[in-house]
C-alpha atoms as a PDB file:
ATOM      1  CA  MET A   1      38.456   7.318   8.388  1.00  0.00           C
ATOM      2  CA  LEU A   2      40.581   4.520   9.808  1.00  0.00           C
ATOM      3  CA  ASN A   3      38.447   1.436  10.470  1.00  0.00           C
ATOM      4  CA  ILE A   4      39.356  -0.309  13.715  1.00  0.00           C
ATOM      5  CA  ASN A   5      37.663  -3.498  14.886  1.00  0.00           C
ATOM      6  CA  ASN A   6      37.296  -3.508  18.676  1.00  0.00           C
ATOM      7  CA  SER A   7      37.585  -7.270  19.015  1.00  0.00           C
ATOM      8  CA  LYS A   8      40.916  -7.137  17.167  1.00  0.00           C
ATOM      9  CA  ILE A   9      42.181  -4.398  19.501  1.00  0.00           C
ATOM     10  CA  ILE A  10      41.285  -6.416  22.584  1.00  0.00           C
ATOM     11  CA  TYR A  11      42.722  -9.623  21.092  1.00  0.00           C
ATOM     12  CA  CYS A  12      46.021  -7.924  20.249  1.00  0.00           C
ATOM     13  CA  ALA A  13      46.198  -6.376  23.727  1.00  0.00           C
ATOM     14  CA  LEU A  14      45.684  -9.749  25.399  1.00  0.00           C
ATOM     15  CA  LEU A  15      48.202 -11.409  23.074  1.00  0.00           C
ATOM     16  CA  VAL A  16      50.855  -8.783  23.803  1.00  0.00           C
ATOM     17  CA  SER A  17      50.118  -8.989  27.535  1.00  0.00           C
ATOM     18  CA  SER A  18      50.513 -12.773  27.624  1.00  0.00           C
ATOM     19  CA  THR A  19      53.781 -12.526  25.672  1.00  0.00           C
ATOM     20  CA  LEU A  20      55.214  -9.949  28.056  1.00  0.00           C
ATOM     21  CA  MET A  21      54.125 -11.895  31.127  1.00  0.00           C
ATOM     22  CA  SER A  22      55.807 -15.032  29.841  1.00  0.00           C
ATOM     23  CA  GLN A  23      59.083 -13.118  29.423  1.00  0.00           C
ATOM     24  CA  SER A  24      59.087 -11.834  32.991  1.00  0.00           C
ATOM     25  CA  GLN A  25      59.925 -13.669  36.198  1.00  0.00           C
ATOM     26  CA  ALA A  26      57.153 -11.948  38.106  1.00  0.00           C
ATOM     27  CA  GLY A  27      54.564  -9.263  37.678  1.00  0.00           C
ATOM     28  CA  GLN A  28      51.409  -7.700  39.055  1.00  0.00           C
ATOM     29  CA  LEU A  29      47.924  -7.609  37.540  1.00  0.00           C
ATOM     30  CA  ASN A  30      45.766  -4.554  38.281  1.00  0.00           C
ATOM     31  CA  ILE A  31      42.028  -4.146  37.702  1.00  0.00           C
ATOM     32  CA  LEU A  32      40.721  -0.601  38.136  1.00  0.00           C
ATOM     33  CA  PHE A  33      37.134   0.606  38.546  1.00  0.00           C
ATOM     34  CA  GLU A  34      36.240   4.314  38.659  1.00  0.00           C
ATOM     35  CA  ASN A  35      32.749   5.768  38.922  1.00  0.00           C
ATOM     36  CA  ASP A  36      30.941   8.885  40.091  1.00  0.00           C
ATOM     37  CA  GLY A  37      27.933   6.887  41.335  1.00  0.00           C
ATOM     38  CA  PHE A  38      28.737   7.466  45.017  1.00  0.00           C
ATOM     39  CA  SER A  39      27.595  11.082  44.532  1.00  0.00           C
ATOM     40  CA  ALA A  40      24.216   9.809  43.225  1.00  0.00           C
ATOM     41  CA  SER A  41      24.609  11.612  39.904  1.00  0.00           C
ATOM     42  CA  ASP A  42      26.142  11.176  36.466  1.00  0.00           C
ATOM     43  CA  GLY A  43      27.960  13.855  34.570  1.00  0.00           C
ATOM     44  CA  ASN A  44      31.400  14.884  33.350  1.00  0.00           C
ATOM     45  CA  TYR A  45      33.859  12.006  33.913  1.00  0.00           C
ATOM     46  CA  THR A  46      31.443   9.261  34.914  1.00  0.00           C
ATOM     47  CA  ASN A  47      33.170   5.876  34.573  1.00  0.00           C
ATOM     48  CA  GLY A  48      36.527   4.250  33.914  1.00  0.00           C
ATOM     49  CA  PHE A  49      37.907   0.717  33.750  1.00  0.00           C
ATOM     50  CA  SER A  50      41.371  -0.673  33.078  1.00  0.00           C
ATOM     51  CA  PHE A  51      43.126  -4.035  33.028  1.00  0.00           C
ATOM     52  CA  ALA A  52      46.878  -3.606  33.472  1.00  0.00           C
ATOM     53  CA  TRP A  53      50.078  -5.530  34.119  1.00  0.00           C
ATOM     54  CA  GLU A  54      53.477  -4.359  35.358  1.00  0.00           C
ATOM     55  CA  SER A  55      56.622  -6.464  35.435  1.00  0.00           C
ATOM     56  CA  LYS A  56      58.934  -7.184  38.306  1.00  0.00           C
ATOM     57  CA  ALA A  57      61.285  -4.221  38.809  1.00  0.00           C
ATOM     58  CA  LEU A  58      64.867  -5.141  37.875  1.00  0.00           C
ATOM     59  CA  LEU A  59      68.039  -3.319  38.916  1.00  0.00           C
ATOM     60  CA  SER A  60      69.501  -1.114  36.190  1.00  0.00           C
ATOM     61  CA  HIS A  61      72.457   1.301  35.962  1.00  0.00           C
ATOM     62  CA  GLN A  62      72.134   4.445  33.823  1.00  0.00           C
ATOM     63  CA  GLN A  63      72.131   3.374  30.150  1.00  0.00           C
ATOM     64  CA  TYR A  64      72.594  -0.335  30.939  1.00  0.00           C
ATOM     65  CA  LEU A  65      69.165  -1.944  31.053  1.00  0.00           C
ATOM     66  CA  PRO A  66      68.454  -5.553  32.066  1.00  0.00           C
ATOM     67  CA  ALA A  67      68.712  -7.843  29.031  1.00  0.00           C
ATOM     68  CA  THR A  68      65.327  -9.423  29.810  1.00  0.00           C
ATOM     69  CA  ILE A  69      63.446  -6.200  29.002  1.00  0.00           C
ATOM     70  CA  PRO A  70      61.616  -6.659  25.644  1.00  0.00           C
ATOM     71  CA  VAL A  71      63.100  -4.656  22.763  1.00  0.00           C
ATOM     72  CA  PHE A  72      60.053  -2.392  22.372  1.00  0.00           C
ATOM     73  CA  PHE A  73      60.298  -1.267  26.000  1.00  0.00           C
ATOM     74  CA  GLN A  74      64.047  -0.754  25.711  1.00  0.00           C
ATOM     75  CA  LEU A  75      63.278   1.690  22.894  1.00  0.00           C
ATOM     76  CA  GLN A  76      60.581   3.386  24.974  1.00  0.00           C
ATOM     77  CA  GLN A  77      63.098   3.796  27.802  1.00  0.00           C
ATOM     78  CA  HIS A  78      64.899   6.403  25.690  1.00  0.00           C
ATOM     79  CA  PHE A  79      62.136   8.828  26.806  1.00  0.00           C
ATOM     80  CA  ARG A  80      63.712   9.229  30.246  1.00  0.00           C
ATOM     81  CA  LEU A  81      66.391  11.017  32.237  1.00  0.00           C
ATOM     82  CA  PRO A  82      69.578   9.100  33.135  1.00  0.00           C
ATOM     83  CA  ILE A  83      69.582   7.790  36.714  1.00  0.00           C
ATOM     84  CA  SER A  84      72.719   6.302  38.246  1.00  0.00           C
ATOM     85  CA  LYS A  85      70.854   3.427  39.903  1.00  0.00           C
ATOM     86  CA  SER A  86      67.192   2.447  39.924  1.00  0.00           C
ATOM     87  CA  HIS A  87      64.797  -0.449  39.490  1.00  0.00           C
ATOM     88  CA  THR A  88      63.258  -0.579  36.020  1.00  0.00           C
ATOM     89  CA  ALA A  89      59.802  -1.990  35.256  1.00  0.00           C
ATOM     90  CA  TRP A  90      57.543  -2.056  32.216  1.00  0.00           C
ATOM     91  CA  GLY A  91      53.924  -2.869  31.524  1.00  0.00           C
ATOM     92  CA  ILE A  92      50.814  -2.643  29.383  1.00  0.00           C
ATOM     93  CA  LYS A  93      47.225  -1.517  29.967  1.00  0.00           C
ATOM     94  CA  LEU A  94      43.854  -1.744  28.211  1.00  0.00           C
ATOM     95  CA  SER A  95      41.303   0.825  29.359  1.00  0.00           C
ATOM     96  CA  GLN A  96      37.934   2.393  28.649  1.00  0.00           C
ATOM     97  CA  ARG A  97      36.610   5.729  29.928  1.00  0.00           C
ATOM     98  CA  MET A  98      33.449   7.751  29.352  1.00  0.00           C
ATOM     99  CA  TRP A  99      32.121  11.281  29.846  1.00  0.00           C
ATOM    100  CA  THR A 100      28.516  12.508  29.754  1.00  0.00           C
ATOM    101  CA  PRO A 101      26.445  15.691  30.242  1.00  0.00           C
ATOM    102  CA  ASN A 102      25.192  16.441  33.745  1.00  0.00           C
ATOM    103  CA  ASP A 103      21.654  15.349  32.813  1.00  0.00           C
ATOM    104  CA  ILE A 104      21.679  12.045  30.897  1.00  0.00           C
ATOM    105  CA  SER A 105      17.851  11.829  30.778  1.00  0.00           C
ATOM    106  CA  VAL A 106      17.640  14.517  28.064  1.00  0.00           C
ATOM    107  CA  ILE A 107      16.949  13.046  24.613  1.00  0.00           C
ATOM    108  CA  GLU A 108      17.906  16.094  22.542  1.00  0.00           C
ATOM    109  CA  ALA A 109      21.426  17.340  21.871  1.00  0.00           C
ATOM    110  CA  GLN A 110      22.672  19.594  24.692  1.00  0.00           C
ATOM    111  CA  SER A 111      24.674  22.314  22.998  1.00  0.00           C
ATOM    112  CA  ASP A 112      25.507  24.093  26.291  1.00  0.00           C
ATOM    113  CA  ASP A 113      26.667  20.993  28.189  1.00  0.00           C
ATOM    114  CA  ARG A 114      29.565  18.583  27.876  1.00  0.00           C
ATOM    115  CA  PRO A 115      28.985  16.081  25.037  1.00  0.00           C
ATOM    116  CA  TYR A 116      28.871  12.307  25.416  1.00  0.00           C
ATOM    117  CA  ALA A 117      32.301  10.776  24.761  1.00  0.00           C
ATOM    118  CA  GLY A 118      33.709   7.256  25.014  1.00  0.00           C
ATOM    119  CA  PHE A 119      37.389   6.358  24.855  1.00  0.00           C
ATOM    120  CA  LEU A 120      39.144   2.994  24.346  1.00  0.00           C
ATOM    121  CA  GLN A 121      42.929   2.847  24.664  1.00  0.00           C
ATOM    122  CA  ILE A 122      45.887   0.461  24.769  1.00  0.00           C
ATOM    123  CA  GLU A 123      48.986   1.800  26.503  1.00  0.00           C
ATOM    124  CA  SER A 124      52.533   0.708  27.277  1.00  0.00           C
ATOM    125  CA  HIS A 125      54.766   2.177  29.963  1.00  0.00           C
ATOM    126  CA  THR A 126      58.236   2.000  31.444  1.00  0.00           C
ATOM    127  CA  ALA A 127      59.223   3.114  34.940  1.00  0.00           C
ATOM    128  CA  ASP A 128      62.383   3.765  36.925  1.00  0.00           C
ATOM    129  CA  TYR A 129      61.756   3.472  40.654  1.00  0.00           C
ATOM    130  CA  GLY A 130      64.245   4.814  43.181  1.00  0.00           C
ATOM    131  CA  THR A 131      64.028   5.552  46.895  1.00  0.00           C
ATOM    132  CA  LYS A 132      64.044   9.331  46.346  1.00  0.00           C
ATOM    133  CA  PHE A 133      63.520   9.827  42.598  1.00  0.00           C
ATOM    134  CA  SER A 134      61.269   8.047  40.121  1.00  0.00           C
ATOM    135  CA  GLN A 135      60.173   8.560  36.535  1.00  0.00           C
ATOM    136  CA  LYS A 136      57.565   6.978  34.306  1.00  0.00           C
ATOM    137  CA  ASN A 137      56.527   7.348  30.678  1.00  0.00           C
ATOM    138  CA  TRP A 138      53.531   6.107  28.698  1.00  0.00           C
ATOM    139  CA  LEU A 139      52.867   5.575  24.987  1.00  0.00           C
ATOM    140  CA  ALA A 140      49.253   4.977  23.947  1.00  0.00           C
ATOM    141  CA  LEU A 141      47.061   4.319  20.919  1.00  0.00           C
ATOM    142  CA  GLY A 142      43.316   4.773  21.251  1.00  0.00           C
ATOM    143  CA  ILE A 143      40.015   5.606  19.653  1.00  0.00           C
ATOM    144  CA  ILE A 144      37.344   8.029  20.793  1.00  0.00           C
ATOM    145  CA  GLY A 145      33.772   7.697  19.537  1.00  0.00           C
ATOM    146  CA  PRO A 146      31.159   4.962  18.983  1.00  0.00           C
ATOM    147  CA  LYS A 147      33.855   2.317  18.350  1.00  0.00           C
ATOM    148  CA  SER A 148      34.916   2.657  21.988  1.00  0.00           C
ATOM    149  CA  LYS A 149      31.644   0.859  22.918  1.00  0.00           C
ATOM    150  CA  ALA A 150      31.127   3.185  25.891  1.00  0.00           C
ATOM    151  CA  GLU A 151      27.447   3.592  24.988  1.00  0.00           C
ATOM    152  CA  GLN A 152      26.807  -0.156  25.255  1.00  0.00           C
ATOM    153  CA  VAL A 153      28.692  -0.434  28.549  1.00  0.00           C
ATOM    154  CA  GLN A 154      26.847   2.424  30.265  1.00  0.00           C
ATOM    155  CA  THR A 155      23.446   1.397  28.918  1.00  0.00           C
ATOM    156  CA  LYS A 156      23.903  -2.170  30.151  1.00  0.00           C
ATOM    157  CA  ALA A 157      25.302  -1.101  33.532  1.00  0.00           C
ATOM    158  CA  HIS A 158      22.431   1.314  34.156  1.00  0.00           C
ATOM    159  CA  SER A 159      19.840  -1.325  33.216  1.00  0.00           C
ATOM    160  CA  LEU A 160      21.352  -3.766  35.731  1.00  0.00           C
ATOM    161  CA  THR A 161      21.518  -1.185  38.549  1.00  0.00           C
ATOM    162  CA  ASP A 162      18.124   0.411  37.809  1.00  0.00           C
ATOM    163  CA  SER A 163      19.811   3.779  37.235  1.00  0.00           C
ATOM    164  CA  THR A 164      18.664   6.520  34.864  1.00  0.00           C
ATOM    165  CA  PRO A 165      19.085   5.223  31.296  1.00  0.00           C
ATOM    166  CA  PRO A 166      21.324   7.488  29.160  1.00  0.00           C
ATOM    167  CA  GLN A 167      19.320   9.029  26.307  1.00  0.00           C
ATOM    168  CA  GLY A 168      21.838  11.009  24.261  1.00  0.00           C
ATOM    169  CA  TRP A 169      24.644   8.731  23.103  1.00  0.00           C
ATOM    170  CA  GLN A 170      23.541   9.288  19.481  1.00  0.00           C
ATOM    171  CA  TYR A 171      25.109  12.744  19.883  1.00  0.00           C
ATOM    172  CA  GLN A 172      28.501  11.535  21.137  1.00  0.00           C
ATOM    173  CA  VAL A 173      31.914  12.671  19.896  1.00  0.00           C
ATOM    174  CA  GLN A 174      32.560  10.928  16.586  1.00  0.00           C
ATOM    175  CA  ASP A 175      35.265   8.358  15.842  1.00  0.00           C
ATOM    176  CA  GLN A 176      38.864   9.520  15.822  1.00  0.00           C
ATOM    177  CA  VAL A 177      42.131   7.647  16.375  1.00  0.00           C
ATOM    178  CA  THR A 178      44.379   9.083  19.104  1.00  0.00           C
ATOM    179  CA  VAL A 179      48.094   8.900  19.884  1.00  0.00           C
ATOM    180  CA  GLN A 180      49.409   9.966  23.279  1.00  0.00           C
ATOM    181  CA  LEU A 181      52.770  10.304  25.030  1.00  0.00           C
ATOM    182  CA  ALA A 182      53.029  11.134  28.733  1.00  0.00           C
ATOM    183  CA  TYR A 183      55.861  11.541  31.228  1.00  0.00           C
ATOM    184  CA  GLU A 184      56.004  11.970  35.014  1.00  0.00           C
ATOM    185  CA  ILE A 185      58.782  12.657  37.530  1.00  0.00           C
ATOM    186  CA  ASP A 186      58.572  12.135  41.328  1.00  0.00           C
ATOM    187  CA  ALA A 187      61.136  13.741  43.652  1.00  0.00           C
ATOM    188  CA  LEU A 188      61.300  13.279  47.429  1.00  0.00           C
ATOM    189  CA  LEU A 189      61.269  16.496  49.455  1.00  0.00           C
ATOM    190  CA  PHE A 190      61.302  15.046  52.985  1.00  0.00           C
ATOM    191  CA  ARG A 191      60.953  11.670  54.694  1.00  0.00           C
ATOM    192  CA  SER A 192      60.724  11.320  58.478  1.00  0.00           C
ATOM    193  CA  SER A 193      62.479   8.831  60.692  1.00  0.00           C
ATOM    194  CA  LYS A 194      60.595   5.667  61.631  1.00  0.00           C
ATOM    195  CA  PHE A 195      58.319   5.791  64.640  1.00  0.00           C
ATOM    196  CA  ARG A 196      56.057   3.311  66.420  1.00  0.00           C
ATOM    197  CA  GLY A 197      52.303   3.515  65.809  1.00  0.00           C
ATOM    198  CA  LYS A 198      49.314   1.782  67.344  1.00  0.00           C
ATOM    199  CA  ILE A 199      49.156  -0.875  64.609  1.00  0.00           C
ATOM    200  CA  PHE A 200      52.439  -0.781  62.662  1.00  0.00           C
ATOM    201  CA  THR A 201      55.868  -0.436  64.270  1.00  0.00           C
ATOM    202  CA  HIS A 202      57.853   1.271  61.495  1.00  0.00           C
ATOM    203  CA  ASN A 203      55.695   4.222  60.456  1.00  0.00           C
ATOM    204  CA  GLN A 204      57.031   7.115  58.430  1.00  0.00           C
ATOM    205  CA  TRP A 205      55.653  10.108  56.628  1.00  0.00           C
ATOM    206  CA  GLU A 206      56.977  11.882  53.578  1.00  0.00           C
ATOM    207  CA  VAL A 207      56.280  14.734  51.188  1.00  0.00           C
ATOM    208  CA  SER A 208      57.237  14.550  47.519  1.00  0.00           C
ATOM    209  CA  SER A 209      56.683  16.671  44.433  1.00  0.00           C
ATOM    210  CA  TYR A 210      55.777  15.491  40.971  1.00  0.00           C
ATOM    211  CA  SER A 211      55.328  16.897  37.494  1.00  0.00           C
ATOM    212  CA  HIS A 212      53.260  15.297  34.742  1.00  0.00           C
ATOM    213  CA  ILE A 213      52.988  16.184  31.075  1.00  0.00           C
ATOM    214  CA  ALA A 214      50.793  14.616  28.372  1.00  0.00           C
ATOM    215  CA  LEU A 215      51.144  15.270  24.643  1.00  0.00           C
ATOM    216  CA  GLY A 216      48.749  14.100  21.957  1.00  0.00           C
ATOM    217  CA  ASN A 217      45.591  14.765  20.013  1.00  0.00           C
ATOM    218  CA  PHE A 218      43.406  13.277  22.779  1.00  0.00           C
ATOM    219  CA  ASN A 219      44.611  15.860  25.271  1.00  0.00           C
ATOM    220  CA  THR A 220      47.694  17.940  25.955  1.00  0.00           C
ATOM    221  CA  GLU A 221      48.269  19.152  29.490  1.00  0.00           C
ATOM    222  CA  ALA A 222      50.936  19.894  32.081  1.00  0.00           C
ATOM    223  CA  SER A 223      50.572  19.740  35.857  1.00  0.00           C
ATOM    224  CA  LEU A 224      52.525  20.030  39.105  1.00  0.00           C
ATOM    225  CA  GLY A 225      51.600  18.510  42.439  1.00  0.00           C
ATOM    226  CA  LEU A 226      52.486  17.517  45.987  1.00  0.00           C
ATOM    227  CA  LEU A 227      52.001  14.021  47.414  1.00  0.00           C
ATOM    228  CA  PHE A 228      51.830  13.253  51.145  1.00  0.00           C
ATOM    229  CA  ARG A 229      52.165   9.642  52.334  1.00  0.00           C
ATOM    230  CA  LEU A 230      51.969   8.132  55.820  1.00  0.00           C
ATOM    231  CA  GLY A 231      52.744   4.446  56.217  1.00  0.00           C
ATOM    232  CA  THR A 232      55.419   1.769  56.311  1.00  0.00           C
ATOM    233  CA  ILE A 233      58.355   0.894  54.030  1.00  0.00           C
ATOM    234  CA  LEU A 234      57.911   4.125  52.069  1.00  0.00           C
ATOM    235  CA  ASN A 235      61.385   3.932  50.512  1.00  0.00           C
ATOM    236  CA  LYS A 236      60.512   0.659  48.720  1.00  0.00           C
ATOM    237  CA  THR A 237      57.219   1.912  47.283  1.00  0.00           C
ATOM    238  CA  PHE A 238      58.270   5.423  46.239  1.00  0.00           C
ATOM    239  CA  GLY A 239      56.900   6.430  42.842  1.00  0.00           C
ATOM    240  CA  ARG A 240      54.374   3.583  42.579  1.00  0.00           C
ATOM    241  CA  LEU A 241      51.443   5.971  42.991  1.00  0.00           C
ATOM    242  CA  SER A 242      50.790   8.258  40.042  1.00  0.00           C
ATOM    243  CA  SER A 243      48.486  11.028  38.841  1.00  0.00           C
ATOM    244  CA  HIS A 244      48.338   9.231  35.471  1.00  0.00           C
ATOM    245  CA  PHE A 245      45.077   7.374  34.829  1.00  0.00           C
ATOM    246  CA  GLY A 246      45.176   3.732  35.888  1.00  0.00           C
ATOM    247  CA  HIS A 247      48.823   3.557  36.951  1.00  0.00           C
ATOM    248  CA  ILE A 248      49.632   1.511  40.055  1.00  0.00           C
ATOM    249  CA  GLY A 249      53.198   0.277  40.355  1.00  0.00           C
ATOM    250  CA  ASN A 250      54.122  -3.268  41.361  1.00  0.00           C
ATOM    251  CA  THR A 251      54.233  -3.335  45.186  1.00  0.00           C
ATOM    252  CA  THR A 252      53.588  -7.051  45.727  1.00  0.00           C
ATOM    253  CA  ASP A 253      57.087  -7.772  44.409  1.00  0.00           C
ATOM    254  CA  VAL A 254      58.934  -5.448  46.816  1.00  0.00           C
ATOM    255  CA  ILE A 255      56.824  -5.968  49.967  1.00  0.00           C
ATOM    256  CA  SER A 256      57.189  -9.298  51.778  1.00  0.00           C
ATOM    257  CA  SER A 257      54.683  -8.489  54.546  1.00  0.00           C
ATOM    258  CA  ASN A 258      51.705  -6.228  55.176  1.00  0.00           C
ATOM    259  CA  ASN A 259      52.153  -2.614  54.102  1.00  0.00           C
ATOM    260  CA  PHE A 260      49.575   0.115  54.699  1.00  0.00           C
ATOM    261  CA  THR A 261      49.792   3.669  53.338  1.00  0.00           C
ATOM    262  CA  VAL A 262      47.462   6.662  53.606  1.00  0.00           C
ATOM    263  CA  TYR A 263      48.053   9.364  51.019  1.00  0.00           C
ATOM    264  CA  SER A 264      46.810  12.736  49.847  1.00  0.00           C
ATOM    265  CA  ARG A 265      47.579  14.544  46.600  1.00  0.00           C
ATOM    266  CA  LEU A 266      47.045  18.120  45.415  1.00  0.00           C
ATOM    267  CA  GLN A 267      47.565  19.016  41.761  1.00  0.00           C
ATOM    268  CA  LEU A 268      47.416  22.181  39.654  1.00  0.00           C
ATOM    269  CA  GLY A 269      47.669  22.185  35.883  1.00  0.00           C
ATOM    270  CA  TYR A 270      46.880  23.678  32.501  1.00  0.00           C
ATOM    271  CA  ARG A 271      45.010  21.800  29.746  1.00  0.00           C
ATOM    272  CA  PHE A 272      45.637  22.929  26.165  1.00  0.00           C
ATOM    273  CA  ASN A 273      43.152  20.697  24.343  1.00  0.00           C
ATOM    274  CA  ASP A 274      40.591  18.012  25.193  1.00  0.00           C
ATOM    275  CA  LEU A 275      39.028  15.826  22.515  1.00  0.00           C
ATOM    276  CA  THR A 276      36.143  14.805  24.800  1.00  0.00           C
ATOM    277  CA  ILE A 277      34.989  18.434  24.610  1.00  0.00           C
ATOM    278  CA  GLU A 278      36.423  19.667  21.321  1.00  0.00           C
ATOM    279  CA  GLY A 279      35.935  16.528  19.199  1.00  0.00           C
ATOM    280  CA  LYS A 280      33.742  16.427  16.101  1.00  0.00           C
ATOM    281  CA  LEU A 281      30.010  16.325  16.921  1.00  0.00           C
ATOM    282  CA  PRO A 282      26.799  15.837  14.891  1.00  0.00           C
ATOM    283  CA  TYR A 283      25.479  19.152  16.266  1.00  0.00           C
ATOM    284  CA  GLU A 284      26.747  22.662  17.011  1.00  0.00           C
ATOM    285  CA  SER A 285      28.301  22.859  20.495  1.00  0.00           C
ATOM    286  CA  ASN A 286      28.722  26.053  22.521  1.00  0.00           C
ATOM    287  CA  VAL A 287      31.005  24.432  25.100  1.00  0.00           C
ATOM    288  CA  ALA A 288      34.529  25.822  25.547  1.00  0.00           C
ATOM    289  CA  ILE A 289      37.345  24.094  27.389  1.00  0.00           C
ATOM    290  CA  GLU A 290      38.401  25.372  30.816  1.00  0.00           C
ATOM    291  CA  HIS A 291      42.196  25.494  30.597  1.00  0.00           C
ATOM    292  CA  ASN A 292      43.088  25.926  34.275  1.00  0.00           C
ATOM    293  CA  GLN A 293      42.718  22.690  36.227  1.00  0.00           C
ATOM    294  CA  ALA A 294      42.995  21.531  39.848  1.00  0.00           C
ATOM    295  CA  LYS A 295      42.572  18.134  41.477  1.00  0.00           C
ATOM    296  CA  ALA A 296      42.623  16.800  45.060  1.00  0.00           C
ATOM    297  CA  THR A 297      42.835  13.160  46.124  1.00  0.00           C
ATOM    298  CA  VAL A 298      42.776  11.209  49.394  1.00  0.00           C
ATOM    299  CA  GLY A 299      43.277   7.461  49.473  1.00  0.00           C
ATOM    300  CA  ILE A 300      44.796   4.307  50.918  1.00  0.00           C
ATOM    301  CA  HIS A 301      47.076   1.617  49.538  1.00  0.00           C
ATOM    302  CA  TRP A 302      47.276  -1.741  51.320  1.00  0.00           C
ATOM    303  CA  THR A 303      49.587  -4.537  50.227  1.00  0.00           C
ATOM    304  CA  ILE A 304      48.940  -7.923  51.832  1.00  0.00           C
ATOM    305  CA  ASN A 305      51.554 -10.453  50.710  1.00  0.00           C
ATOM    306  CA  ASN A 306      50.629 -11.238  47.068  1.00  0.00           C
ATOM    307  CA  TYR A 307      47.612  -8.925  46.945  1.00  0.00           C
ATOM    308  CA  ALA A 308      46.999  -5.192  47.093  1.00  0.00           C
ATOM    309  CA  ILE A 309      44.059  -2.809  47.195  1.00  0.00           C
ATOM    310  CA  THR A 310      44.087   0.896  46.380  1.00  0.00           C
ATOM    311  CA  TRP A 311      41.100   3.151  47.051  1.00  0.00           C
ATOM    312  CA  SER A 312      40.779   6.890  46.588  1.00  0.00           C
ATOM    313  CA  LEU A 313      38.267   9.729  46.512  1.00  0.00           C
ATOM    314  CA  ASN A 314      39.054  12.248  43.777  1.00  0.00           C
ATOM    315  CA  SER A 315      37.730  15.763  43.217  1.00  0.00           C
ATOM    316  CA  TYR A 316      38.525  17.979  40.225  1.00  0.00           C
ATOM    317  CA  THR A 317      37.512  21.403  38.929  1.00  0.00           C
ATOM    318  CA  ARG A 318      35.210  22.023  35.964  1.00  0.00           C
ATOM    319  CA  SER A 319      36.476  20.928  32.553  1.00  0.00           C
ATOM    320  CA  TYR A 320      34.460  23.450  30.521  1.00  0.00           C
ATOM    321  CA  SER A 321      33.879  27.097  31.328  1.00  0.00           C
ATOM    322  CA  SER A 322      30.051  27.067  31.269  1.00  0.00           C
ATOM    323  CA  ASP A 323      29.740  24.176  33.743  1.00  0.00           C
ATOM    324  CA  LYS A 324      27.514  25.298  36.638  1.00  0.00           C
ATOM    325  CA  LYS A 325      29.305  22.946  39.031  1.00  0.00           C
ATOM    326  CA  SER A 326      32.740  24.134  40.116  1.00  0.00           C
ATOM    327  CA  TRP A 327      33.836  20.686  41.375  1.00  0.00           C
ATOM    328  CA  HIS A 328      33.118  17.067  40.421  1.00  0.00           C
ATOM    329  CA  SER A 329      34.078  13.873  42.255  1.00  0.00           C
ATOM    330  CA  TYR A 330      34.478  10.153  41.628  1.00  0.00           C
ATOM    331  CA  GLY A 331      35.666   7.086  43.505  1.00  0.00           C
ATOM    332  CA  SER A 332      38.494   4.810  42.398  1.00  0.00           C
ATOM    333  CA  LEU A 333      39.212   1.192  43.369  1.00  0.00           C
ATOM    334  CA  THR A 334      42.142  -0.941  42.163  1.00  0.00           C
ATOM    335  CA  LEU A 335      42.505  -4.647  42.971  1.00  0.00           C
ATOM    336  CA  SER A 336      45.971  -6.126  42.394  1.00  0.00           C
ATOM    337  CA  CYS A 337      47.592  -9.542  42.624  1.00  0.00           C
ATOM    338  CA  ALA A 338      51.048 -10.996  41.978  1.00  0.00           C
ATOM    339  CA  ILE A 339      51.462 -13.552  39.205  1.00  0.00           C
END
């Protein structure tokens, strides 16, 4: 078993982040919080946190990338389709997520419910943003199991909020190192002409399609979706929203004034494997993965000069076939600032 010290992972992530930030003229910091607490219950995907940075987007032409892009990200850019002209950005993210059974007050192992699972991950990405076509890819190294420290985070959070204390983390998915690669394409289907609204004067609406694929031992899945956006300056922010966990593109760099967008997303997909369900456990589990997946999201994105806020309500279908609930929901909040 590979021994990974969490403090070293976090230290390396912060060191790499500071190095990348110093090499870039501008960038955007993003802090994400996700939780299912608004529904007054825990269960399935219950909490997520990420600290991310994305660079200023620089103009690039096909195979000719800006010289200021760090070498590692130039190599990662080979996982992309050639685009005649786009704005290229890159970034890094440290995140933690956790999953639990529907009833966290049970002390015994729950062989017919989703197991406890915690996940800690460091991820790099590159992105090509255009007005009608965008693409993004992610490369990640993580660890699932007790070394993710999800048990300590949830236990402490529930003690501070006087919530039900989790009783079954001793039965969580055991330690395993993960490697993931993901890719996403956004393509504009239609964008309306500008029209005057009650608050903003240059409103537009658009419909775009996207496809997302993830490959790795943590999970492998493919999905297709439609994204509807209503707001201002849509051509400059195309592709910044993503179905990928924790990804918010740099909008503070391309928006010089207030920008408000309402969006809705519908996604259908197929999941081949899921380590949070199929990982090694200290007990015999009867839970089987539900391969067919669907997800619906409504949200807002508001950029105010050097700051931005993104909020969404997300609902998704059951992850394992014996789940008595057909849908689960969680809220997501991202706070961003230019640096």
